[in-house]
């Protein structure tokens, strides 16, 4: 898998992978472990969250007129989006810690 790029404004890490060499499920595990700075073995098994066979099938690029297919998952406090053009994007889950604003 290629090296990742970090986009500060969106707080998103983007990784490209070769779909002929690497299934989407493996790209997700590799990208997430790299962002978290842990060994892939330390992550919860991906199979607990999603069918890896279904993810690999959905995210595999095919010649079609419908454009990009993307699958988004919540994993390990991150939002992970897999694009059918061979990109995995990883960003922290947005916090819902907003204060209620009460009019005066």
Protein backbone atom coordinates (compact mmCIF):
# COMPACT_ATOMS: atom_id res chain seq x y z
CA UNK A 1 0.00 0.00 0.00
CA UNK A 2 1.26 3.47 -0.81
CA UNK A 3 2.21 5.99 1.80
CA UNK A 4 -0.53 8.10 3.28
CA UNK A 5 -1.24 11.78 2.94
CA UNK A 6 -2.65 13.84 5.79
CA UNK A 7 -5.13 16.66 5.17
CA UNK A 8 -5.05 18.95 8.19
CA UNK A 9 -8.35 20.77 7.59
CA UNK A 10 -10.39 17.58 7.37
CA UNK A 11 -8.09 15.68 9.79
CA UNK A 12 -8.12 12.84 7.26
CA UNK A 13 -5.39 10.39 6.33
CA UNK A 14 -5.70 9.08 2.75
CA UNK A 15 -3.96 5.94 1.53
CA UNK A 16 -3.85 4.54 -1.99
CA UNK A 17 -3.71 0.81 -2.57
CA UNK A 18 -3.42 -1.45 -5.60
CA UNK A 19 -6.64 -3.41 -5.87
CA UNK A 20 -4.94 -6.10 -7.92
CA UNK A 21 -2.47 -6.75 -5.09
CA UNK A 22 -4.38 -5.87 -1.91
CA UNK A 23 -8.01 -6.55 -0.98
CA UNK A 24 -9.91 -3.57 0.46
CA UNK A 25 -10.23 -5.30 3.83
CA UNK A 26 -6.44 -5.58 4.16
CA UNK A 27 -6.02 -1.97 3.05
CA UNK A 28 -8.42 -0.90 5.82
CA UNK A 29 -6.49 -2.80 8.48
CA UNK A 30 -3.15 -1.48 7.24
CA UNK A 31 -4.34 2.15 7.02
CA UNK A 32 -6.03 2.10 10.42
CA UNK A 33 -3.03 0.52 12.14
CA UNK A 34 -0.73 3.09 10.55
CA UNK A 35 -2.90 6.02 11.70
CA UNK A 36 -3.18 4.57 15.20
CA UNK A 37 0.52 3.70 15.36
CA UNK A 38 -0.11 0.07 16.35
CA UNK A 39 0.61 -3.34 14.89
CA UNK A 40 -2.35 -4.60 12.80
CA UNK A 41 -2.59 -7.63 15.12
CA UNK A 42 -3.51 -5.27 17.98
CA UNK A 43 -6.71 -4.11 16.25
CA UNK A 44 -10.07 -5.76 16.82
CA UNK A 45 -10.67 -8.27 14.01
CA UNK A 46 -12.40 -6.53 11.10
CA UNK A 47 -14.73 -9.52 10.76
CA UNK A 48 -16.46 -8.43 14.00
CA UNK A 49 -17.69 -5.28 12.26
CA UNK A 50 -18.21 -6.16 8.61
CA UNK A 51 -18.16 -9.10 6.25
CA UNK A 52 -14.69 -8.82 4.72
CA UNK A 53 -15.83 -10.71 1.62
CA UNK A 54 -18.67 -8.24 1.09
CA UNK A 55 -16.37 -5.25 1.68
CA UNK A 56 -13.81 -6.59 -0.80
CA UNK A 57 -16.52 -7.22 -3.41
CA UNK A 58 -18.18 -3.81 -3.00
CA UNK A 59 -14.94 -1.83 -3.04
CA UNK A 60 -13.36 -3.58 -6.01
CA UNK A 61 -13.22 -1.25 -9.03
CA UNK A 62 -15.23 -2.28 -12.02
CA UNK A 63 -16.04 -0.58 -15.27
CA UNK A 64 -19.40 1.05 -14.66
CA UNK A 65 -21.31 4.22 -15.31
CA UNK A 66 -22.37 4.64 -11.69
CA UNK A 67 -19.02 6.10 -10.60
CA UNK A 68 -17.34 5.60 -7.25
CA UNK A 69 -18.68 3.13 -4.74
CA UNK A 70 -17.76 4.00 -1.19
CA UNK A 71 -18.21 2.06 2.02
CA UNK A 72 -17.94 3.88 5.35
CA UNK A 73 -17.33 2.12 8.66
CA UNK A 74 -16.80 3.20 12.26
CA UNK A 75 -13.75 1.39 13.62
CA UNK A 76 -11.66 2.00 16.74
CA UNK A 77 -12.97 5.61 17.19
CA UNK A 78 -12.28 6.41 13.54
CA UNK A 79 -14.42 6.80 10.45
CA UNK A 80 -12.95 4.72 7.64
CA UNK A 81 -14.14 5.18 4.06
CA UNK A 82 -13.09 2.79 1.31
CA UNK A 83 -13.45 4.07 -2.26
CA UNK A 84 -13.72 1.78 -5.26
CA UNK A 85 -10.91 3.68 -7.00
CA UNK A 86 -8.35 2.32 -4.52
CA UNK A 87 -8.31 4.84 -1.68
CA UNK A 88 -8.88 4.39 2.06
CA UNK A 89 -9.60 7.54 4.09
CA UNK A 90 -9.29 7.50 7.89
CA UNK A 91 -10.44 10.34 10.15
CA UNK A 92 -11.31 10.62 13.84
CA UNK A 93 -14.97 10.19 14.72
CA UNK A 94 -16.55 13.59 15.18
CA UNK A 95 -17.40 14.34 18.79
CA UNK A 96 -20.97 15.11 19.81
CA UNK A 97 -19.72 17.14 22.79
CA UNK A 98 -21.43 20.34 21.73
CA UNK A 99 -23.01 22.52 24.35
CA UNK A 100 -26.67 23.31 24.09
CA UNK A 101 -27.13 26.99 23.37
CA UNK A 102 -29.99 28.44 25.34
CA UNK A 103 -31.37 31.79 24.17
CA UNK A 104 -31.24 34.53 26.82
